[in-house]
N, C-alpha and C. Protein backbone atom coordinates (compact mmCIF):
# COMPACT_ATOMS: atom_id res chain seq x y z
N MET A 1 33.73 -15.41 8.63
CA MET A 1 32.32 -14.87 8.76
C MET A 1 31.94 -14.52 7.37
N LYS A 2 32.68 -13.50 6.90
CA LYS A 2 32.14 -13.31 5.62
C LYS A 2 31.79 -14.21 4.50
N LEU A 3 32.65 -15.07 4.57
CA LEU A 3 32.99 -16.50 3.81
C LEU A 3 31.58 -17.28 3.92
N GLN A 4 31.01 -17.33 5.14
CA GLN A 4 30.16 -17.84 5.45
C GLN A 4 28.45 -17.14 4.80
N LEU A 5 28.78 -15.84 4.86
CA LEU A 5 27.37 -15.11 4.52
C LEU A 5 27.79 -14.99 2.91
N LEU A 6 28.95 -14.95 2.32
CA LEU A 6 29.05 -15.12 0.83
C LEU A 6 28.30 -16.46 0.39
N GLU A 7 28.79 -17.75 1.06
CA GLU A 7 27.89 -18.73 0.73
C GLU A 7 26.70 -19.19 0.65
N GLU A 8 26.15 -18.05 1.95
CA GLU A 8 24.53 -18.50 2.55
C GLU A 8 23.92 -17.11 1.00
N ILE A 9 24.72 -16.58 0.44
CA ILE A 9 23.89 -15.58 -0.49
C ILE A 9 24.05 -16.28 -1.66
N ILE A 10 25.19 -17.01 -2.14
CA ILE A 10 25.12 -17.45 -3.28
C ILE A 10 23.82 -18.85 -3.12
N ILE A 11 23.80 -19.59 -2.09
CA ILE A 11 22.88 -20.66 -2.27
C ILE A 11 21.80 -19.74 -2.18
N HIS A 12 21.22 -18.62 -1.89
CA HIS A 12 20.25 -18.01 -1.70
C HIS A 12 19.73 -17.26 -3.52
N LEU A 13 20.87 -17.09 -3.91
CA LEU A 13 20.64 -16.56 -5.44
C LEU A 13 20.25 -17.86 -6.46
N GLU A 14 20.86 -18.96 -5.98
CA GLU A 14 20.43 -19.97 -6.64
C GLU A 14 18.97 -20.52 -6.51
N LEU A 15 18.45 -20.43 -5.11
CA LEU A 15 17.14 -20.90 -4.77
C LEU A 15 16.36 -19.67 -5.77
N LEU A 16 16.69 -18.52 -5.38
CA LEU A 16 15.91 -17.51 -6.23
C LEU A 16 15.67 -17.73 -7.69
N GLY A 17 16.85 -17.89 -8.46
CA GLY A 17 16.86 -18.41 -9.69
C GLY A 17 15.57 -19.52 -9.92
N LYS A 18 16.17 -20.28 -9.03
CA LYS A 18 15.04 -21.62 -9.60
C LYS A 18 13.65 -21.27 -9.26
N ARG A 19 13.49 -20.43 -8.42
CA ARG A 19 11.99 -19.98 -7.86
C ARG A 19 11.42 -19.02 -9.16
N VAL A 20 12.32 -18.17 -10.09
CA VAL A 20 12.22 -17.32 -10.80
C VAL A 20 11.70 -18.54 -12.37
N LYS A 21 12.64 -19.31 -12.39
CA LYS A 21 12.32 -20.12 -13.73
C LYS A 21 10.93 -20.76 -13.15
N GLU A 22 10.79 -21.59 -12.25
CA GLU A 22 9.76 -22.10 -11.94
C GLU A 22 8.41 -21.77 -12.02
N ALA A 23 8.53 -20.33 -11.78
CA ALA A 23 6.97 -19.45 -11.93
C ALA A 23 6.95 -19.06 -13.40
N ARG A 24 8.10 -18.68 -14.05
CA ARG A 24 8.20 -18.40 -15.06
C ARG A 24 7.78 -19.60 -16.19
N LEU A 25 7.97 -20.76 -15.99
CA LEU A 25 7.54 -22.01 -16.42
C LEU A 25 6.10 -22.47 -16.63
N THR A 26 5.55 -22.27 -15.08
CA THR A 26 4.36 -22.19 -14.85
C THR A 26 3.03 -21.51 -15.62
N LYS A 27 3.51 -20.26 -16.05
CA LYS A 27 3.45 -19.68 -17.09
C LYS A 27 2.92 -19.67 -18.39
N SER A 28 4.12 -20.67 -18.77
CA SER A 28 4.21 -21.35 -19.94
C SER A 28 5.26 -19.90 -20.90
N TYR A 29 5.97 -18.92 -19.93
CA TYR A 29 6.48 -17.96 -20.75
C TYR A 29 8.19 -18.51 -20.96
N THR A 30 8.53 -18.22 -22.28
CA THR A 30 10.32 -18.13 -22.45
C THR A 30 10.91 -17.23 -21.55
N GLN A 31 12.09 -17.45 -21.48
CA GLN A 31 12.80 -16.59 -20.89
C GLN A 31 13.02 -15.04 -21.90
N GLN A 32 12.66 -15.30 -23.38
CA GLN A 32 12.23 -13.92 -23.94
C GLN A 32 10.97 -13.27 -23.53
N ASP A 33 10.27 -14.02 -23.79
CA ASP A 33 8.50 -13.94 -23.02
C ASP A 33 8.62 -12.66 -21.78
N LEU A 34 9.32 -13.26 -20.86
CA LEU A 34 9.53 -12.87 -19.42
C LEU A 34 10.46 -11.53 -19.59
N ALA A 35 11.68 -11.41 -20.30
CA ALA A 35 12.25 -10.45 -20.61
C ALA A 35 11.00 -9.28 -20.86
N ALA A 36 10.59 -9.73 -22.07
CA ALA A 36 9.78 -8.70 -22.67
C ALA A 36 8.71 -7.89 -21.90
N LEU A 37 8.15 -8.62 -21.34
CA LEU A 37 7.03 -8.39 -20.23
C LEU A 37 7.71 -7.51 -18.91
N CYS A 38 8.95 -7.71 -18.61
CA CYS A 38 9.60 -6.72 -17.70
C CYS A 38 10.42 -5.68 -18.21
N ASN A 39 10.75 -5.41 -19.23
CA ASN A 39 11.43 -4.46 -19.85
C ASN A 39 13.07 -4.64 -19.43
N LEU A 40 13.31 -6.20 -19.73
CA LEU A 40 14.84 -6.59 -19.34
C LEU A 40 15.38 -7.13 -20.47
N THR A 41 16.81 -7.62 -20.60
CA THR A 41 17.24 -8.42 -21.88
C THR A 41 16.84 -9.68 -20.84
N LYS A 42 17.04 -10.67 -22.30
CA LYS A 42 16.79 -12.39 -22.27
C LYS A 42 18.11 -12.77 -21.52
N SER A 43 19.09 -12.27 -21.56
CA SER A 43 20.50 -12.42 -20.78
C SER A 43 20.22 -12.12 -19.24
N HIS A 44 19.79 -11.11 -18.99
CA HIS A 44 19.48 -10.79 -17.74
C HIS A 44 18.61 -11.27 -16.79
N ILE A 45 17.50 -11.92 -17.36
CA ILE A 45 16.82 -13.29 -16.92
C ILE A 45 17.37 -14.55 -16.98
N SER A 46 18.14 -15.16 -17.94
CA SER A 46 18.94 -15.73 -17.83
C SER A 46 19.79 -16.20 -16.48
N LYS A 47 20.97 -14.61 -16.09
CA LYS A 47 21.48 -14.53 -15.24
C LYS A 47 20.99 -14.89 -13.93
N ILE A 48 19.75 -14.18 -13.65
CA ILE A 48 19.01 -14.43 -12.24
C ILE A 48 18.44 -15.85 -12.23
N GLU A 49 18.19 -16.43 -13.33
CA GLU A 49 17.77 -17.63 -13.08
C GLU A 49 18.69 -18.67 -12.90
N ASN A 50 20.02 -18.47 -13.11
CA ASN A 50 20.92 -19.57 -13.00
C ASN A 50 21.94 -18.64 -11.69
N GLY A 51 21.56 -17.97 -11.11
CA GLY A 51 21.86 -17.40 -9.77
C GLY A 51 23.19 -16.66 -9.76
N GLN A 52 23.39 -16.37 -11.07
CA GLN A 52 24.52 -15.31 -11.48
C GLN A 52 24.53 -13.94 -11.28
N THR A 53 23.37 -13.19 -10.77
CA THR A 53 23.45 -11.94 -10.36
C THR A 53 22.27 -11.83 -9.41
N SER A 54 22.35 -10.70 -8.59
CA SER A 54 21.53 -10.09 -7.54
C SER A 54 20.53 -8.97 -8.56
N PRO A 55 19.42 -9.36 -8.45
CA PRO A 55 18.37 -8.29 -9.28
C PRO A 55 18.08 -7.25 -8.22
N ALA A 56 17.83 -6.07 -8.48
CA ALA A 56 17.09 -4.88 -7.53
C ALA A 56 16.20 -5.10 -7.37
N ILE A 57 15.56 -4.87 -6.42
CA ILE A 57 14.04 -5.40 -5.89
C ILE A 57 13.26 -5.13 -6.68
N ALA A 58 13.52 -3.58 -7.46
CA ALA A 58 12.19 -3.20 -8.55
C ALA A 58 12.60 -4.08 -9.56
N THR A 59 13.26 -4.70 -10.09
CA THR A 59 13.40 -5.98 -10.79
C THR A 59 12.76 -6.88 -10.46
N LEU A 60 12.95 -7.54 -9.36
CA LEU A 60 12.40 -8.70 -9.11
C LEU A 60 10.89 -8.64 -8.47
N SER A 61 10.82 -7.42 -8.21
CA SER A 61 9.19 -6.74 -8.02
C SER A 61 8.21 -6.98 -9.41
N LYS A 62 9.10 -6.23 -10.46
CA LYS A 62 8.32 -6.50 -11.87
C LYS A 62 8.07 -8.02 -12.10
N ILE A 63 9.06 -8.27 -11.67
CA ILE A 63 9.14 -10.01 -12.31
C ILE A 63 8.03 -10.78 -11.42
N ALA A 64 8.07 -10.63 -10.24
CA ALA A 64 7.18 -10.99 -9.33
C ALA A 64 5.59 -10.76 -9.76
N GLN A 65 5.42 -9.43 -10.27
CA GLN A 65 4.25 -9.06 -10.57
C GLN A 65 3.62 -9.59 -11.89
N VAL A 66 4.79 -9.68 -12.97
CA VAL A 66 4.31 -10.20 -14.32
C VAL A 66 3.96 -11.73 -13.92
N LEU A 67 4.70 -12.53 -13.00
CA LEU A 67 4.35 -14.01 -12.83
C LEU A 67 3.34 -14.35 -11.76
N ASP A 68 2.89 -13.36 -11.09
CA ASP A 68 1.61 -13.39 -10.12
C ASP A 68 2.29 -13.94 -9.22
N ALA A 69 2.96 -13.67 -8.69
CA ALA A 69 3.61 -14.44 -7.43
C ALA A 69 4.19 -13.44 -6.62
N PRO A 70 3.86 -13.58 -5.02
CA PRO A 70 4.48 -12.66 -4.21
C PRO A 70 6.35 -12.11 -4.22
N LEU A 71 6.64 -11.13 -3.99
CA LEU A 71 8.06 -10.92 -3.80
C LEU A 71 8.68 -11.88 -2.92
N SER A 72 8.17 -12.19 -1.87
CA SER A 72 8.52 -12.74 -0.46
C SER A 72 8.91 -14.34 -1.20
N TRP A 73 7.84 -14.77 -1.85
CA TRP A 73 8.19 -16.19 -2.26
C TRP A 73 9.52 -16.25 -3.05
N PHE A 74 10.03 -15.62 -3.80
CA PHE A 74 11.02 -15.32 -4.28
C PHE A 74 12.25 -15.53 -3.39
N LEU A 75 12.12 -14.53 -2.32
CA LEU A 75 12.99 -14.39 -1.55
C LEU A 75 13.31 -15.34 -0.25
N GLU A 76 12.48 -15.67 0.24
CA GLU A 76 12.24 -16.92 1.45
C GLU A 76 12.46 -18.34 1.16
N SER A 77 13.32 -19.11 1.81
CA SER A 77 13.37 -20.58 1.59
C SER A 77 12.11 -21.03 1.89
N ASN A 78 11.40 -20.77 3.36
CA ASN A 78 10.44 -21.37 3.56
C ASN A 78 9.20 -21.59 2.66
N SER A 79 8.87 -22.93 2.93
CA SER A 79 7.70 -23.21 2.08
C SER A 79 6.29 -22.53 2.65
N GLU A 80 5.07 -22.50 1.71
CA GLU A 80 3.90 -21.53 1.87
C GLU A 80 3.16 -22.17 3.44
N ALA A 81 2.23 -21.25 3.94
CA ALA A 81 1.86 -21.50 5.16
C ALA A 81 0.85 -20.51 5.65
N GLN A 82 -0.06 -20.88 6.30
CA GLN A 82 -1.34 -19.87 6.62
C GLN A 82 -0.29 -18.70 7.78
N LEU A 83 0.31 -19.25 8.51
CA LEU A 83 0.98 -18.45 9.62
C LEU A 83 2.76 -18.40 9.00
N SER A 84 3.34 -16.97 9.04
CA SER A 84 4.35 -17.04 8.55
C SER A 84 5.14 -16.61 9.71
N ILE A 85 5.95 -17.18 10.49
CA ILE A 85 6.79 -16.17 10.98
C ILE A 85 8.21 -16.31 11.11
N VAL A 86 8.76 -15.58 10.83
CA VAL A 86 10.27 -15.51 10.68
C VAL A 86 11.34 -14.83 11.70
N LYS A 87 12.12 -15.71 12.40
CA LYS A 87 12.73 -15.34 13.50
C LYS A 87 13.98 -14.14 13.12
N LYS A 88 14.50 -13.18 13.93
CA LYS A 88 15.44 -12.38 13.39
C LYS A 88 16.48 -12.99 12.87
N SER A 89 17.12 -13.85 13.66
CA SER A 89 18.38 -14.87 13.55
C SER A 89 18.18 -15.88 12.07
N SER A 90 17.00 -15.93 11.81
CA SER A 90 16.79 -16.97 10.42
C SER A 90 16.67 -15.54 9.26
N ARG A 91 16.74 -14.45 9.44
CA ARG A 91 16.78 -13.41 8.07
C ARG A 91 18.32 -12.91 8.13
N SER A 92 19.21 -13.75 8.11
CA SER A 92 20.60 -13.37 8.26
C SER A 92 20.77 -13.43 6.56
N LEU A 93 20.10 -13.76 5.58
CA LEU A 93 20.29 -13.77 4.00
C LEU A 93 19.87 -12.50 3.73
N LYS A 94 20.86 -11.33 2.86
CA LYS A 94 20.56 -10.11 2.09
C LYS A 94 20.94 -10.43 0.74
N MET A 95 20.03 -9.52 0.26
CA MET A 95 20.58 -9.50 -1.33
C MET A 95 20.86 -7.74 -1.32
N GLY A 96 21.36 -7.88 -2.72
CA GLY A 96 21.93 -6.64 -3.02
C GLY A 96 23.17 -6.18 -2.92
N ASN A 97 23.60 -5.00 -3.00
CA ASN A 97 25.18 -4.77 -2.83
C ASN A 97 25.23 -3.23 -3.08
N ALA A 98 26.51 -2.77 -3.10
CA ALA A 98 27.01 -1.22 -3.15
C ALA A 98 26.67 -0.77 -4.78
N GLU A 99 26.53 -1.72 -5.36
CA GLU A 99 26.20 -1.33 -6.65
C GLU A 99 25.11 -0.83 -7.10
N ILE A 100 24.19 -1.57 -6.36
CA ILE A 100 22.43 -1.31 -6.55
C ILE A 100 22.28 -0.02 -5.29
N GLY A 101 22.97 0.11 -4.53
CA GLY A 101 22.81 1.18 -3.57
C GLY A 101 22.02 0.41 -2.25
N TYR A 102 21.63 -0.75 -1.84
CA TYR A 102 20.89 -1.14 -1.26
C TYR A 102 21.11 -2.68 -0.72
N MET A 103 20.68 -3.38 0.32
CA MET A 103 20.51 -4.59 0.45
C MET A 103 19.10 -4.84 1.46
N TYR A 104 18.36 -5.98 1.02
CA TYR A 104 17.27 -6.26 1.58
C TYR A 104 16.78 -7.59 1.92
N GLU A 105 16.15 -7.22 3.09
CA GLU A 105 15.98 -9.13 3.38
C GLU A 105 14.42 -8.82 3.71
N ALA A 106 13.63 -10.09 3.53
CA ALA A 106 12.25 -10.37 3.56
C ALA A 106 12.03 -10.36 4.79
N LEU A 107 10.90 -10.20 5.40
CA LEU A 107 10.49 -10.27 6.99
C LEU A 107 9.18 -11.12 6.93
N ALA A 108 8.44 -11.57 5.89
CA ALA A 108 7.57 -12.81 6.14
C ALA A 108 7.56 -13.80 4.77
N ASN A 109 7.52 -14.87 5.09
CA ASN A 109 7.24 -15.72 3.97
C ASN A 109 5.87 -15.64 3.61
N ARG A 110 5.52 -14.74 2.64
CA ARG A 110 3.87 -14.63 2.72
C ARG A 110 3.71 -15.63 1.08
N PRO A 111 2.70 -16.50 1.25
CA PRO A 111 2.32 -17.19 0.27
C PRO A 111 1.77 -16.48 -0.45
N HIS A 112 1.27 -17.09 -1.60
CA HIS A 112 0.44 -16.92 -2.61
C HIS A 112 -0.83 -15.63 -2.53
N PHE A 113 -1.60 -16.07 -1.12
CA PHE A 113 -2.80 -15.65 -1.01
C PHE A 113 -2.86 -14.05 -0.40
N SER A 114 -1.32 -13.86 -0.47
CA SER A 114 -1.19 -12.25 0.11
C SER A 114 -0.50 -11.52 -0.94
N LYS A 115 -1.00 -10.07 -0.65
CA LYS A 115 -0.35 -9.16 -1.67
C LYS A 115 0.48 -8.06 -0.81
N ILE A 116 0.86 -8.47 0.50
CA ILE A 116 1.46 -7.47 1.27
C ILE A 116 2.91 -8.07 1.26
N GLU A 117 3.85 -7.40 1.06
CA GLU A 117 5.30 -8.30 0.97
C GLU A 117 6.14 -6.68 1.85
N PRO A 118 6.50 -7.61 3.27
CA PRO A 118 7.33 -6.47 4.16
C PRO A 118 8.75 -6.97 3.96
N VAL A 119 9.59 -5.78 3.74
CA VAL A 119 11.17 -5.97 3.51
C VAL A 119 11.91 -4.93 4.37
N ILE A 120 12.97 -5.26 4.83
CA ILE A 120 13.97 -4.19 5.43
C ILE A 120 14.99 -3.89 4.52
N ILE A 121 15.24 -2.70 4.07
CA ILE A 121 16.05 -2.28 3.04
C ILE A 121 17.04 -1.43 4.00
N THR A 122 17.95 -1.89 3.36
CA THR A 122 19.46 -1.27 4.18
C THR A 122 20.10 -0.46 3.08
N VAL A 123 20.12 0.74 3.24
CA VAL A 123 20.26 1.88 2.17
C VAL A 123 21.94 2.12 2.59
N LEU A 124 22.71 1.65 1.46
CA LEU A 124 24.13 1.78 1.62
C LEU A 124 24.60 3.57 1.01
N PRO A 125 25.70 3.87 1.80
CA PRO A 125 26.24 5.25 1.71
C PRO A 125 26.92 5.06 0.56
N GLU A 126 27.40 3.86 0.14
CA GLU A 126 28.37 4.04 -0.98
C GLU A 126 27.70 3.60 -2.44
N ALA A 127 26.25 3.80 -2.65
CA ALA A 127 25.71 3.60 -3.62
C ALA A 127 26.44 3.74 -5.06
N GLU A 128 26.68 3.06 -6.07
CA GLU A 128 26.99 3.69 -7.20
C GLU A 128 26.35 3.78 -8.52
N HIS A 129 24.98 2.76 -8.48
CA HIS A 129 24.18 2.98 -9.45
C HIS A 129 23.00 3.48 -8.53
N VAL A 130 22.67 4.94 -9.14
CA VAL A 130 21.27 5.31 -8.09
C VAL A 130 20.25 5.78 -9.30
N GLU A 131 19.61 4.87 -10.17
CA GLU A 131 18.61 5.33 -11.21
C GLU A 131 17.63 5.42 -10.33
N PRO A 132 16.15 6.21 -10.65
CA PRO A 132 15.08 5.79 -10.11
C PRO A 132 14.29 4.55 -10.76
N PHE A 133 13.39 3.95 -9.97
CA PHE A 133 13.15 2.64 -10.63
C PHE A 133 11.61 2.88 -10.45
N THR A 134 10.87 1.74 -11.06
CA THR A 134 9.36 1.81 -10.73
C THR A 134 8.94 0.45 -10.49
N HIS A 135 7.64 0.23 -10.14
CA HIS A 135 7.39 -0.93 -9.90
C HIS A 135 5.37 -1.07 -9.40
N LEU A 136 5.07 -1.88 -9.63
CA LEU A 136 3.56 -1.87 -10.06
C LEU A 136 2.83 -1.80 -8.69
N GLU A 137 3.39 -1.87 -7.45
CA GLU A 137 2.76 -2.00 -6.25
C GLU A 137 2.63 -0.43 -5.76
N ASP A 138 1.89 -0.30 -4.88
CA ASP A 138 2.13 1.07 -3.70
C ASP A 138 3.12 0.45 -2.64
N GLU A 139 3.74 1.49 -2.20
CA GLU A 139 4.40 1.20 -1.20
C GLU A 139 4.40 1.87 0.08
N PHE A 140 4.48 1.60 1.30
CA PHE A 140 4.51 2.20 2.20
C PHE A 140 6.07 2.17 2.85
N ILE A 141 6.52 3.03 3.29
CA ILE A 141 8.22 3.35 3.82
C ILE A 141 8.03 3.90 5.24
N TYR A 142 8.86 3.30 6.45
CA TYR A 142 9.11 3.67 7.52
C TYR A 142 10.78 3.83 7.91
N VAL A 143 11.01 4.91 8.07
CA VAL A 143 12.58 5.05 8.00
C VAL A 143 12.89 4.53 9.81
N LEU A 144 13.63 3.22 9.71
CA LEU A 144 13.94 2.77 11.21
C LEU A 144 14.83 3.38 11.67
N SER A 145 15.89 3.67 11.20
CA SER A 145 17.41 4.53 11.25
C SER A 145 18.02 5.14 10.39
N GLY A 146 18.66 6.23 10.76
CA GLY A 146 19.37 7.03 9.85
C GLY A 146 18.62 7.98 9.12
N SER A 147 18.68 8.48 7.68
CA SER A 147 18.09 8.92 7.49
C SER A 147 18.36 8.92 5.51
N ILE A 148 17.16 9.04 5.07
CA ILE A 148 17.21 9.08 3.38
C ILE A 148 16.86 10.43 2.89
N LYS A 149 17.51 10.48 1.41
CA LYS A 149 16.38 11.51 0.63
C LYS A 149 16.06 10.49 -0.33
N LEU A 150 14.28 10.60 -0.26
CA LEU A 150 13.68 9.73 -1.38
C LEU A 150 13.23 11.05 -2.66
N SER A 151 13.84 10.32 -3.53
CA SER A 151 13.98 10.97 -4.96
C SER A 151 12.47 10.30 -5.42
N TYR A 152 11.38 11.33 -5.52
CA TYR A 152 10.29 10.55 -6.04
C TYR A 152 9.60 11.67 -7.25
N GLY A 153 9.25 11.20 -8.24
CA GLY A 153 8.66 11.85 -9.45
C GLY A 153 9.54 13.28 -9.68
N GLY A 154 10.76 13.24 -9.23
CA GLY A 154 11.74 14.29 -9.64
C GLY A 154 12.14 15.02 -8.40
N GLN A 155 11.23 15.09 -7.50
CA GLN A 155 11.49 15.69 -6.18
C GLN A 155 12.05 14.98 -4.94
N LEU A 156 12.70 15.84 -4.34
CA LEU A 156 13.79 15.12 -3.32
C LEU A 156 12.95 15.51 -1.86
N HIS A 157 12.65 14.45 -1.13
CA HIS A 157 12.27 14.41 0.08
C HIS A 157 13.49 13.95 1.19
N ILE A 158 13.69 14.74 2.12
CA ILE A 158 14.51 14.10 3.45
C ILE A 158 13.39 13.49 4.89
N LEU A 159 13.80 12.02 4.75
CA LEU A 159 13.18 11.65 5.71
C LEU A 159 14.37 11.00 6.88
N ALA A 160 13.69 11.18 8.01
CA ALA A 160 14.89 10.97 8.96
C ALA A 160 14.09 9.75 9.98
N GLU A 161 14.80 9.15 11.15
CA GLU A 161 13.98 7.96 11.82
C GLU A 161 12.98 8.34 12.27
N GLY A 162 11.79 7.52 12.12
CA GLY A 162 10.64 7.69 12.67
C GLY A 162 9.79 8.31 11.27
N ASP A 163 9.93 8.93 10.48
CA ASP A 163 9.40 9.58 9.28
C ASP A 163 8.79 8.65 8.33
N SER A 164 7.73 8.66 7.42
CA SER A 164 7.23 7.71 6.85
C SER A 164 6.38 8.14 5.44
N ALA A 165 6.23 7.27 4.50
CA ALA A 165 5.83 8.09 3.24
C ALA A 165 4.85 6.87 2.70
N TYR A 166 3.71 7.02 2.06
CA TYR A 166 2.98 6.16 1.25
C TYR A 166 3.42 6.38 -0.41
N LEU A 167 3.63 5.81 -1.25
CA LEU A 167 4.12 6.25 -2.45
C LEU A 167 3.03 5.13 -3.73
N ASP A 168 3.20 5.87 -4.52
CA ASP A 168 2.67 5.33 -5.83
C ASP A 168 3.67 4.66 -6.72
N GLY A 169 4.03 3.40 -6.63
CA GLY A 169 5.26 2.69 -7.32
C GLY A 169 5.85 2.85 -8.49
N SER A 170 4.73 3.36 -9.30
CA SER A 170 4.79 3.69 -10.53
C SER A 170 5.32 4.86 -11.11
N ILE A 171 5.46 5.68 -10.31
CA ILE A 171 6.09 6.99 -10.31
C ILE A 171 7.92 6.53 -9.84
N PRO A 172 8.32 7.11 -11.04
CA PRO A 172 10.16 6.83 -10.70
C PRO A 172 10.66 6.98 -9.53
N HIS A 173 11.40 6.66 -8.55
CA HIS A 173 11.79 6.99 -7.39
C HIS A 173 12.87 5.67 -6.77
N ILE A 174 13.47 6.58 -5.47
CA ILE A 174 14.64 5.55 -5.55
C ILE A 174 15.34 6.41 -3.95
N PHE A 175 15.66 5.57 -3.10
CA PHE A 175 16.05 6.08 -1.66
C PHE A 175 17.45 6.10 -1.85
N LEU A 176 18.01 7.43 -1.51
CA LEU A 176 19.52 7.97 -1.67
C LEU A 176 20.17 7.94 0.11
N ASN A 177 21.33 7.87 0.58
CA ASN A 177 22.03 8.16 1.79
C ASN A 177 23.36 8.63 1.08
N ASP A 178 23.26 10.12 1.47
CA ASP A 178 24.85 10.68 1.71
C ASP A 178 25.42 10.83 2.94
N GLU A 179 24.80 9.84 4.05
CA GLU A 179 25.53 10.00 4.99
C GLU A 179 26.50 9.09 5.37
N GLU A 180 27.32 8.85 6.39
CA GLU A 180 28.58 8.05 6.40
C GLU A 180 28.11 6.63 6.81
N GLY A 181 26.80 6.40 7.57
CA GLY A 181 26.20 5.05 8.05
C GLY A 181 25.19 4.80 7.23
N GLU A 182 24.72 3.47 7.39
CA GLU A 182 23.84 2.96 6.77
C GLU A 182 22.57 3.41 7.41
N ALA A 183 21.45 3.50 6.72
CA ALA A 183 20.01 3.85 6.96
C ALA A 183 19.24 2.56 6.84
N LYS A 184 18.20 2.34 7.34
CA LYS A 184 17.52 1.16 7.50
C LYS A 184 15.80 1.76 7.44
N VAL A 185 15.35 1.06 6.20
CA VAL A 185 13.87 1.28 5.84
C VAL A 185 12.97 0.22 5.79
N LEU A 186 11.79 0.18 6.79
CA LEU A 186 10.96 -0.81 6.46
C LEU A 186 10.12 -0.40 5.53
N SER A 187 10.10 -1.46 4.28
CA SER A 187 9.14 -1.10 3.30
C SER A 187 8.38 -2.50 2.72
N ILE A 188 6.80 -1.80 2.82
CA ILE A 188 5.60 -2.51 2.62
C ILE A 188 4.99 -2.61 1.31
N PHE A 189 5.35 -3.47 0.57
CA PHE A 189 4.97 -3.34 -1.14
C PHE A 189 3.37 -3.89 -0.78
N ILE A 190 2.43 -3.16 -1.24
CA ILE A 190 0.70 -3.57 -1.24
C ILE A 190 0.21 -3.58 -2.62
């Protein structure tokens, strides 16, 4: 089962990388151009495009914004359509790891006509890399299960199951989980 999930993640990382490269080339950007616009290194862009690393959602969000593409277009394998139905059973691919502190899965394959990006973020208790990040979109969050600490603009807010928040993504923020179990958060980038 773990091997199958690992194989699915590798395939998904390769698809993600191809999509980043495709969108970058459509804009006639070099890897260095994209890296500079996203405040990343050329090496990091190269690793993403080659499927060698799982980018943090904030990183992928910045890349999507710079390339004028919806975040979910990078995450889903389905082609664009006016109606996007994603069955729970087909959302098995998750990205992220303990190092970045979360896993996430796209809830809709939103085409280019939409700026709304819904994802479920699983906030892991064993996070090793917990630096606040920013992105260009506003974000609505709703805690589905567990509880999180939302560090936002240097202030800490405790959110339990059923709590929600709306935030400006340009303010440094991060979800933290110091509980024993995972916490699940519905996050909608707007």
